[in-house]
Amino acid sequence: MLTKRIIPCLDVRAGKVTKGVAFQGNVDVGDPVAMAKHYYEQGADEIVFYDITASHERRDIMIDVVASVAREIFIPFSVGGGLRTLSDMRRVLLAGAEKVSIDSGAVRNPDTIRQGAKAFGRQCIVLSMQVKRVPCTPNIPSGYEIFIDGARTATGLDAIEWAQRGEELGAGELVVNSIDADGVKTGYDVDLTRRMAEAVGIPVIASGGAGEPSHLYDVFSQGNADAAIVASMIHFGTYSIPEIKDYLHRRGLPIRMV
C-alpha cells in the first residue's frame, strides 16, 4: 500500500509566506526558504509553493524564491502561481522544482495541460483547483464550481467534470482546494475529496481545512485522499509534522516515519 503524504503548503505573497481564511484576510507568517527547510527537516513528504497573487496580477512567478527553496530541500517540490505557458513551466523546473502546479492558466487554456504532459511527463503536471460549493444546476450538477484568480472569479465549470477533463488532457495529480474550508481549521471537505477520488484514476491531494491530526485521518480514511496539504496547523505551531505523522501511524495509516 502506498504511504499517505503530508505536504506543507507555502502560500507566498510579496516574498513572505502568508495565510488567510477562505482565500481572504491573509497575514504574513514567515520566510519561505527558512520554513521550507524547517518542514523538510521535520519529515515532510513534499513541499508545495504557491505564488498566490501571480495569476491575479498577471505577472511571472518569483523564480528567485523558487530557486532558493529548491537549494534547501531534498524532497519533491511542487510550484504554482502565474504559470501560463510551456516556457513558464520550464523555468520553474530548471529552478529546481520537480512538479508544476497549474490552476487559473489551465482553465484559460486547457491545452497547457496537454503541452506540459507531453514536454515534461504527466508526473510533473499537477492540476490545482479552487473549488466552492454552489447550488446544483444543469451546468454544475455536482454542486461544486471551479473558481480562479485566488478564488476571485467564478468560471461556470463543474469541478468534477473539470477534474476528469484535466486527467484526460494529461494531469498526473489533482490538488483539490476547498475555498469554503480554507483556513477555517474545522476539517477538509471530505465529500468533495471522495467524489474527486471516485471520478479520476490519478492521485488526489486534499487541501483546505486542516486544524488537527484527526482531520487528516478523516480525509485519508473516508475521503480516499492520497495526500493532504497542511498550513495553518503547522505554520502557527499548533502541531508539528512528527506529531501529525505519529498520530496517523498509531491509527493504522501507512505513513513514512522519520
C-alpha atoms as a PDB file:
ATOM      1  CA  MET A   1       0.000   0.000   0.000  1.00  0.00           C
ATOM      2  CA  LEU A   2       1.303   3.454  -0.913  1.00  0.00           C
ATOM      3  CA  THR A   3       2.079   5.727   2.006  1.00  0.00           C
ATOM      4  CA  LYS A   4      -0.104   8.752   2.615  1.00  0.00           C
ATOM      5  CA  ARG A   5       1.765  12.007   2.038  1.00  0.00           C
ATOM      6  CA  ILE A   6       1.845  15.075   4.288  1.00  0.00           C
ATOM      7  CA  ILE A   7       2.530  18.220   2.260  1.00  0.00           C
ATOM      8  CA  PRO A   8       3.152  21.616   3.893  1.00  0.00           C
ATOM      9  CA  CYS A   9       1.866  24.471   1.742  1.00  0.00           C
ATOM     10  CA  LEU A  10       3.738  27.749   1.437  1.00  0.00           C
ATOM     11  CA  ASP A  11       1.382  30.416   0.080  1.00  0.00           C
ATOM     12  CA  VAL A  12       3.738  33.251  -0.828  1.00  0.00           C
ATOM     13  CA  ARG A  13       2.830  36.905  -1.313  1.00  0.00           C
ATOM     14  CA  ALA A  14       5.455  39.643  -1.781  1.00  0.00           C
ATOM     15  CA  GLY A  15       8.190  37.209  -0.791  1.00  0.00           C
ATOM     16  CA  LYS A  16       6.594  36.100   2.514  1.00  0.00           C
ATOM     17  CA  VAL A  17       4.588  33.034   3.478  1.00  0.00           C
ATOM     18  CA  THR A  18       1.043  34.171   4.220  1.00  0.00           C
ATOM     19  CA  LYS A  19      -2.153  32.546   5.466  1.00  0.00           C
ATOM     20  CA  GLY A  20      -5.775  33.586   5.337  1.00  0.00           C
ATOM     21  CA  VAL A  21      -9.290  32.217   5.701  1.00  0.00           C
ATOM     22  CA  ALA A  22     -11.306  31.324   2.588  1.00  0.00           C
ATOM     23  CA  PHE A  23      -8.570  32.952   0.475  1.00  0.00           C
ATOM     24  CA  GLN A  24      -9.017  36.310   2.269  1.00  0.00           C
ATOM     25  CA  GLY A  25      -7.595  38.287   5.194  1.00  0.00           C
ATOM     26  CA  ASN A  26      -4.055  36.999   4.746  1.00  0.00           C
ATOM     27  CA  VAL A  27      -1.354  37.685   7.332  1.00  0.00           C
ATOM     28  CA  ASP A  28       2.368  37.083   6.886  1.00  0.00           C
ATOM     29  CA  VAL A  29       3.810  34.186   8.871  1.00  0.00           C
ATOM     30  CA  GLY A  30       7.437  33.810   7.796  1.00  0.00           C
ATOM     31  CA  ASP A  31      10.228  33.401   5.275  1.00  0.00           C
ATOM     32  CA  PRO A  32       9.529  30.726   2.637  1.00  0.00           C
ATOM     33  CA  VAL A  33      13.114  29.456   2.427  1.00  0.00           C
ATOM     34  CA  ALA A  34      13.527  29.046   6.194  1.00  0.00           C
ATOM     35  CA  MET A  35      10.088  27.469   6.577  1.00  0.00           C
ATOM     36  CA  ALA A  36      10.627  25.023   3.708  1.00  0.00           C
ATOM     37  CA  LYS A  37      13.930  23.900   5.229  1.00  0.00           C
ATOM     38  CA  HIS A  38      12.326  23.515   8.665  1.00  0.00           C
ATOM     39  CA  TYR A  39       9.487  21.354   7.339  1.00  0.00           C
ATOM     40  CA  TYR A  40      11.900  19.259   5.279  1.00  0.00           C
ATOM     41  CA  GLU A  41      13.962  18.581   8.409  1.00  0.00           C
ATOM     42  CA  GLN A  42      10.776  17.683  10.323  1.00  0.00           C
ATOM     43  CA  GLY A  43       9.939  14.943   7.809  1.00  0.00           C
ATOM     44  CA  ALA A  44       7.552  16.488   5.281  1.00  0.00           C
ATOM     45  CA  ASP A  45       6.981  14.209   2.300  1.00  0.00           C
ATOM     46  CA  GLU A  46       6.759  17.075  -0.188  1.00  0.00           C
ATOM     47  CA  ILE A  47       6.586  20.863  -0.214  1.00  0.00           C
ATOM     48  CA  VAL A  48       4.196  22.914  -2.322  1.00  0.00           C
ATOM     49  CA  PHE A  49       4.856  26.585  -3.074  1.00  0.00           C
ATOM     50  CA  TYR A  50       2.140  28.868  -4.439  1.00  0.00           C
ATOM     51  CA  ASP A  51       2.778  32.439  -5.560  1.00  0.00           C
ATOM     52  CA  ILE A  52      -0.810  33.325  -4.694  1.00  0.00           C
ATOM     53  CA  THR A  53      -1.095  36.713  -6.414  1.00  0.00           C
ATOM     54  CA  ALA A  54       0.820  35.987  -9.633  1.00  0.00           C
ATOM     55  CA  SER A  55      -2.253  34.967 -11.651  1.00  0.00           C
ATOM     56  CA  HIS A  56      -4.437  37.820 -10.399  1.00  0.00           C
ATOM     57  CA  GLU A  57      -1.657  40.339 -11.022  1.00  0.00           C
ATOM     58  CA  ARG A  58      -0.854  38.767 -14.422  1.00  0.00           C
ATOM     59  CA  ARG A  59       2.860  38.537 -13.634  1.00  0.00           C
ATOM     60  CA  ASP A  60       5.562  35.866 -13.626  1.00  0.00           C
ATOM     61  CA  ILE A  61       6.257  33.715 -10.593  1.00  0.00           C
ATOM     62  CA  MET A  62       9.026  34.693  -8.137  1.00  0.00           C
ATOM     63  CA  ILE A  63      11.651  32.420  -9.674  1.00  0.00           C
ATOM     64  CA  ASP A  64      14.427  33.557  -7.316  1.00  0.00           C
ATOM     65  CA  VAL A  65      12.440  32.375  -4.301  1.00  0.00           C
ATOM     66  CA  VAL A  66      11.720  29.055  -6.026  1.00  0.00           C
ATOM     67  CA  ALA A  67      15.438  28.518  -6.670  1.00  0.00           C
ATOM     68  CA  SER A  68      16.339  29.425  -3.072  1.00  0.00           C
ATOM     69  CA  VAL A  69      13.822  26.932  -1.661  1.00  0.00           C
ATOM     70  CA  ALA A  70      14.987  24.189  -4.037  1.00  0.00           C
ATOM     71  CA  ARG A  71      18.566  24.542  -2.782  1.00  0.00           C
ATOM     72  CA  GLU A  72      17.487  23.822   0.801  1.00  0.00           C
ATOM     73  CA  ILE A  73      15.237  20.767   0.465  1.00  0.00           C
ATOM     74  CA  PHE A  74      15.678  17.270  -0.948  1.00  0.00           C
ATOM     75  CA  ILE A  75      12.128  16.036  -1.288  1.00  0.00           C
ATOM     76  CA  PRO A  76       9.614  16.571  -4.132  1.00  0.00           C
ATOM     77  CA  PHE A  77       8.840  20.256  -4.587  1.00  0.00           C
ATOM     78  CA  SER A  78       5.759  21.491  -6.458  1.00  0.00           C
ATOM     79  CA  VAL A  79       5.427  25.108  -7.594  1.00  0.00           C
ATOM     80  CA  GLY A  80       2.406  27.046  -8.838  1.00  0.00           C
ATOM     81  CA  GLY A  81       1.133  30.555  -9.424  1.00  0.00           C
ATOM     82  CA  GLY A  82       1.086  32.500 -12.657  1.00  0.00           C
ATOM     83  CA  LEU A  83       2.164  29.577 -14.853  1.00  0.00           C
ATOM     84  CA  ARG A  84       0.553  30.153 -18.232  1.00  0.00           C
ATOM     85  CA  THR A  85       2.901  28.718 -20.858  1.00  0.00           C
ATOM     86  CA  LEU A  86       5.308  25.863 -21.517  1.00  0.00           C
ATOM     87  CA  SER A  87       8.137  28.339 -21.062  1.00  0.00           C
ATOM     88  CA  ASP A  88       6.831  29.261 -17.587  1.00  0.00           C
ATOM     89  CA  MET A  89       6.817  25.591 -16.609  1.00  0.00           C
ATOM     90  CA  ARG A  90      10.322  25.021 -17.958  1.00  0.00           C
ATOM     91  CA  ARG A  91      11.715  27.953 -15.955  1.00  0.00           C
ATOM     92  CA  VAL A  92      10.238  26.581 -12.728  1.00  0.00           C
ATOM     93  CA  LEU A  93      11.540  23.065 -13.350  1.00  0.00           C
ATOM     94  CA  LEU A  94      15.000  24.373 -14.235  1.00  0.00           C
ATOM     95  CA  ALA A  95      14.949  26.379 -10.989  1.00  0.00           C
ATOM     96  CA  GLY A  96      14.700  23.117  -9.051  1.00  0.00           C
ATOM     97  CA  ALA A  97      11.035  22.129  -8.814  1.00  0.00           C
ATOM     98  CA  GLU A  98      10.024  18.540  -9.551  1.00  0.00           C
ATOM     99  CA  LYS A  99       6.409  19.412 -10.382  1.00  0.00           C
ATOM    100  CA  VAL A 100       4.463  22.367 -11.722  1.00  0.00           C
ATOM    101  CA  SER A 101       1.016  23.186 -10.395  1.00  0.00           C
ATOM    102  CA  ILE A 102      -1.278  24.853 -12.906  1.00  0.00           C
ATOM    103  CA  ASP A 103      -4.630  26.353 -11.993  1.00  0.00           C
ATOM    104  CA  SER A 104      -6.051  29.573 -13.459  1.00  0.00           C
ATOM    105  CA  GLY A 105      -3.814  29.301 -16.526  1.00  0.00           C
ATOM    106  CA  ALA A 106      -5.130  25.794 -17.247  1.00  0.00           C
ATOM    107  CA  VAL A 107      -8.747  26.998 -17.092  1.00  0.00           C
ATOM    108  CA  ARG A 108      -7.985  29.792 -19.532  1.00  0.00           C
ATOM    109  CA  ASN A 109      -6.030  27.469 -21.842  1.00  0.00           C
ATOM    110  CA  PRO A 110      -6.698  23.779 -21.119  1.00  0.00           C
ATOM    111  CA  ASP A 111      -4.216  22.724 -23.808  1.00  0.00           C
ATOM    112  CA  THR A 112      -1.489  23.894 -21.407  1.00  0.00           C
ATOM    113  CA  ILE A 113      -2.041  20.623 -19.525  1.00  0.00           C
ATOM    114  CA  ARG A 114      -1.510  18.528 -22.650  1.00  0.00           C
ATOM    115  CA  GLN A 115       1.529  20.528 -23.704  1.00  0.00           C
ATOM    116  CA  GLY A 116       3.134  20.211 -20.275  1.00  0.00           C
ATOM    117  CA  ALA A 117       2.496  16.475 -20.026  1.00  0.00           C
ATOM    118  CA  LYS A 118       3.953  15.914 -23.491  1.00  0.00           C
ATOM    119  CA  ALA A 119       7.054  18.019 -22.820  1.00  0.00           C
ATOM    120  CA  PHE A 120       7.871  17.000 -19.248  1.00  0.00           C
ATOM    121  CA  GLY A 121       5.826  13.868 -18.480  1.00  0.00           C
ATOM    122  CA  ARG A 122       2.471  13.750 -16.753  1.00  0.00           C
ATOM    123  CA  GLN A 123       4.157  13.010 -13.420  1.00  0.00           C
ATOM    124  CA  CYS A 124       5.313  16.657 -13.456  1.00  0.00           C
ATOM    125  CA  ILE A 125       1.889  18.166 -14.109  1.00  0.00           C
ATOM    126  CA  VAL A 126      -0.361  18.897 -11.128  1.00  0.00           C
ATOM    127  CA  LEU A 127      -3.818  20.319 -11.832  1.00  0.00           C
ATOM    128  CA  SER A 128      -4.758  22.512  -8.884  1.00  0.00           C
ATOM    129  CA  MET A 129      -8.393  23.526  -8.482  1.00  0.00           C
ATOM    130  CA  GLN A 130     -10.087  26.220  -6.393  1.00  0.00           C
ATOM    131  CA  VAL A 131     -13.491  24.720  -5.592  1.00  0.00           C
ATOM    132  CA  LYS A 132     -16.557  26.251  -3.958  1.00  0.00           C
ATOM    133  CA  ARG A 133     -19.916  24.754  -3.004  1.00  0.00           C
ATOM    134  CA  VAL A 134     -22.764  26.233  -5.061  1.00  0.00           C
ATOM    135  CA  PRO A 135     -26.377  25.250  -5.785  1.00  0.00           C
ATOM    136  CA  CYS A 136     -26.712  22.342  -8.215  1.00  0.00           C
ATOM    137  CA  THR A 137     -27.640  23.483 -11.716  1.00  0.00           C
ATOM    138  CA  PRO A 138     -27.631  21.818 -15.162  1.00  0.00           C
ATOM    139  CA  ASN A 139     -24.215  23.388 -15.794  1.00  0.00           C
ATOM    140  CA  ILE A 140     -22.844  22.487 -12.361  1.00  0.00           C
ATOM    141  CA  PRO A 141     -24.550  19.191 -11.490  1.00  0.00           C
ATOM    142  CA  SER A 142     -22.085  18.277  -8.730  1.00  0.00           C
ATOM    143  CA  GLY A 143     -22.770  21.455  -6.736  1.00  0.00           C
ATOM    144  CA  TYR A 144     -19.066  22.308  -6.819  1.00  0.00           C
ATOM    145  CA  GLU A 145     -17.808  25.120  -9.068  1.00  0.00           C
ATOM    146  CA  ILE A 146     -14.290  25.994 -10.207  1.00  0.00           C
ATOM    147  CA  PHE A 147     -13.014  29.478  -9.330  1.00  0.00           C
ATOM    148  CA  ILE A 148      -9.778  31.128 -10.483  1.00  0.00           C
ATOM    149  CA  ASP A 149      -7.532  34.105  -9.691  1.00  0.00           C
ATOM    150  CA  GLY A 150      -7.274  33.366  -5.976  1.00  0.00           C
ATOM    151  CA  ALA A 151     -10.985  32.473  -5.690  1.00  0.00           C
ATOM    152  CA  ARG A 152     -11.957  35.861  -7.120  1.00  0.00           C
ATOM    153  CA  THR A 153     -13.525  34.726 -10.390  1.00  0.00           C
ATOM    154  CA  ALA A 154     -16.287  32.166 -10.958  1.00  0.00           C
ATOM    155  CA  THR A 155     -15.887  30.103 -14.132  1.00  0.00           C
ATOM    156  CA  GLY A 156     -19.167  28.216 -14.526  1.00  0.00           C
ATOM    157  CA  LEU A 157     -17.184  24.960 -14.711  1.00  0.00           C
ATOM    158  CA  ASP A 158     -18.329  21.906 -12.775  1.00  0.00           C
ATOM    159  CA  ALA A 159     -15.435  20.781 -10.588  1.00  0.00           C
ATOM    160  CA  ILE A 160     -15.881  17.031 -11.125  1.00  0.00           C
ATOM    161  CA  GLU A 161     -16.142  17.454 -14.887  1.00  0.00           C
ATOM    162  CA  TRP A 162     -13.084  19.700 -14.934  1.00  0.00           C
ATOM    163  CA  ALA A 163     -11.088  17.142 -12.932  1.00  0.00           C
ATOM    164  CA  GLN A 164     -11.971  14.405 -15.405  1.00  0.00           C
ATOM    165  CA  ARG A 165     -11.064  16.617 -18.349  1.00  0.00           C
ATOM    166  CA  GLY A 166      -7.767  17.504 -16.696  1.00  0.00           C
ATOM    167  CA  GLU A 167      -6.906  13.834 -16.314  1.00  0.00           C
ATOM    168  CA  GLU A 168      -7.778  13.190 -19.966  1.00  0.00           C
ATOM    169  CA  LEU A 169      -5.512  16.053 -21.035  1.00  0.00           C
ATOM    170  CA  GLY A 170      -2.569  14.621 -19.101  1.00  0.00           C
ATOM    171  CA  ALA A 171      -2.545  15.843 -15.488  1.00  0.00           C
ATOM    172  CA  GLY A 172      -0.713  13.419 -13.214  1.00  0.00           C
ATOM    173  CA  GLU A 173      -2.213  14.608  -9.911  1.00  0.00           C
ATOM    174  CA  LEU A 174      -5.060  16.775  -8.649  1.00  0.00           C
ATOM    175  CA  VAL A 175      -4.940  19.260  -5.793  1.00  0.00           C
ATOM    176  CA  VAL A 176      -8.465  19.964  -4.589  1.00  0.00           C
ATOM    177  CA  ASN A 177      -8.537  23.289  -2.744  1.00  0.00           C
ATOM    178  CA  SER A 178     -11.803  23.832  -0.874  1.00  0.00           C
ATOM    179  CA  ILE A 179     -12.487  27.572  -0.761  1.00  0.00           C
ATOM    180  CA  ASP A 180     -15.173  27.052   1.891  1.00  0.00           C
ATOM    181  CA  ALA A 181     -12.850  25.115   4.225  1.00  0.00           C
ATOM    182  CA  ASP A 182      -9.651  27.092   3.592  1.00  0.00           C
ATOM    183  CA  GLY A 183      -8.075  28.299   6.841  1.00  0.00           C
ATOM    184  CA  VAL A 184     -11.179  27.504   8.901  1.00  0.00           C
ATOM    185  CA  LYS A 185      -9.439  24.561  10.649  1.00  0.00           C
ATOM    186  CA  THR A 186     -12.646  22.529  11.064  1.00  0.00           C
ATOM    187  CA  GLY A 187     -11.677  19.751   8.657  1.00  0.00           C
ATOM    188  CA  TYR A 188     -11.335  19.076   4.947  1.00  0.00           C
ATOM    189  CA  ASP A 189     -14.331  18.801   2.649  1.00  0.00           C
ATOM    190  CA  VAL A 190     -14.323  15.010   2.816  1.00  0.00           C
ATOM    191  CA  ASP A 191     -17.318  14.627   0.499  1.00  0.00           C
ATOM    192  CA  LEU A 192     -15.634  16.722  -2.208  1.00  0.00           C
ATOM    193  CA  THR A 193     -12.368  14.810  -1.886  1.00  0.00           C
ATOM    194  CA  ARG A 194     -14.088  11.427  -2.022  1.00  0.00           C
ATOM    195  CA  ARG A 195     -16.106  12.379  -5.088  1.00  0.00           C
ATOM    196  CA  MET A 196     -12.944  13.554  -6.821  1.00  0.00           C
ATOM    197  CA  ALA A 197     -11.113  10.334  -5.942  1.00  0.00           C
ATOM    198  CA  GLU A 198     -14.010   8.272  -7.299  1.00  0.00           C
ATOM    199  CA  ALA A 199     -14.146  10.302 -10.519  1.00  0.00           C
ATOM    200  CA  VAL A 200     -10.492  10.044 -11.570  1.00  0.00           C
ATOM    201  CA  GLY A 201      -7.734   7.475 -11.673  1.00  0.00           C
ATOM    202  CA  ILE A 202      -4.857   9.744 -10.612  1.00  0.00           C
ATOM    203  CA  PRO A 203      -3.758  10.749  -7.098  1.00  0.00           C
ATOM    204  CA  VAL A 204      -5.954  13.295  -5.315  1.00  0.00           C
ATOM    205  CA  ILE A 205      -4.458  15.740  -2.817  1.00  0.00           C
ATOM    206  CA  ALA A 206      -6.854  17.297  -0.298  1.00  0.00           C
ATOM    207  CA  SER A 207      -6.371  20.949   0.610  1.00  0.00           C
ATOM    208  CA  GLY A 208      -8.170  23.389   2.887  1.00  0.00           C
ATOM    209  CA  GLY A 209      -9.469  22.944   6.419  1.00  0.00           C
ATOM    210  CA  ALA A 210      -6.861  21.014   8.410  1.00  0.00           C
ATOM    211  CA  GLY A 211      -6.874  22.030  12.048  1.00  0.00           C
ATOM    212  CA  GLU A 212      -5.912  18.853  13.902  1.00  0.00           C
ATOM    213  CA  PRO A 213      -4.480  15.400  13.071  1.00  0.00           C
ATOM    214  CA  SER A 214      -7.919  13.756  13.109  1.00  0.00           C
ATOM    215  CA  HIS A 215      -8.887  15.844  10.103  1.00  0.00           C
ATOM    216  CA  LEU A 216      -6.104  14.207   8.086  1.00  0.00           C
ATOM    217  CA  TYR A 217      -7.215  10.784   9.276  1.00  0.00           C
ATOM    218  CA  ASP A 218     -10.756  11.533   8.115  1.00  0.00           C
ATOM    219  CA  VAL A 219      -9.748  12.714   4.644  1.00  0.00           C
ATOM    220  CA  PHE A 220      -7.427   9.730   4.183  1.00  0.00           C
ATOM    221  CA  SER A 221      -9.765   7.052   5.529  1.00  0.00           C
ATOM    222  CA  GLN A 222     -13.132   8.466   4.384  1.00  0.00           C
ATOM    223  CA  GLY A 223     -12.167  10.836   1.573  1.00  0.00           C
ATOM    224  CA  ASN A 224      -9.738   8.415  -0.114  1.00  0.00           C
ATOM    225  CA  ALA A 225      -7.139  11.162  -0.489  1.00  0.00           C
ATOM    226  CA  ASP A 226      -3.628  10.111  -1.466  1.00  0.00           C
ATOM    227  CA  ALA A 227      -2.067  13.151   0.199  1.00  0.00           C
ATOM    228  CA  ALA A 228      -3.108  16.102   2.330  1.00  0.00           C
ATOM    229  CA  ILE A 229      -1.875  19.672   2.362  1.00  0.00           C
ATOM    230  CA  VAL A 230      -1.389  21.347   5.735  1.00  0.00           C
ATOM    231  CA  ALA A 231      -0.750  25.003   6.504  1.00  0.00           C
ATOM    232  CA  SER A 232      -2.302  26.822   9.487  1.00  0.00           C
ATOM    233  CA  MET A 233      -1.944  23.915  11.910  1.00  0.00           C
ATOM    234  CA  ILE A 234       1.832  23.822  11.413  1.00  0.00           C
ATOM    235  CA  HIS A 235       2.582  27.455  10.483  1.00  0.00           C
ATOM    236  CA  PHE A 236       1.303  28.699  13.846  1.00  0.00           C
ATOM    237  CA  GLY A 237       2.957  25.912  15.849  1.00  0.00           C
ATOM    238  CA  THR A 238      -0.209  24.117  16.924  1.00  0.00           C
ATOM    239  CA  TYR A 239       1.189  20.787  15.693  1.00  0.00           C
ATOM    240  CA  SER A 240       4.462  19.578  14.243  1.00  0.00           C
ATOM    241  CA  ILE A 241       4.796  17.224  11.301  1.00  0.00           C
ATOM    242  CA  PRO A 242       6.217  14.430  13.527  1.00  0.00           C
ATOM    243  CA  GLU A 243       3.191  14.763  15.829  1.00  0.00           C
ATOM    244  CA  ILE A 244       0.793  14.501  12.887  1.00  0.00           C
ATOM    245  CA  LYS A 245       2.608  11.501  11.447  1.00  0.00           C
ATOM    246  CA  ASP A 246       2.767   9.728  14.795  1.00  0.00           C
ATOM    247  CA  TYR A 247      -0.996  10.167  15.254  1.00  0.00           C
ATOM    248  CA  LEU A 248      -1.770   8.789  11.793  1.00  0.00           C
ATOM    249  CA  HIS A 249       0.673   5.903  12.221  1.00  0.00           C
ATOM    250  CA  ARG A 250      -0.955   4.939  15.528  1.00  0.00           C
ATOM    251  CA  ARG A 251      -4.354   4.989  13.779  1.00  0.00           C
ATOM    252  CA  GLY A 252      -3.053   2.411  11.312  1.00  0.00           C
ATOM    253  CA  LEU A 253      -2.459   4.517   8.203  1.00  0.00           C
ATOM    254  CA  PRO A 254       0.619   3.854   6.032  1.00  0.00           C
ATOM    255  CA  ILE A 255       2.911   6.799   6.767  1.00  0.00           C
ATOM    256  CA  ARG A 256       6.597   7.430   6.042  1.00  0.00           C
ATOM    257  CA  MET A 257       8.034   7.866   9.522  1.00  0.00           C
ATOM    258  CA  VAL A 258      11.207   9.860  10.150  1.00  0.00           C
END
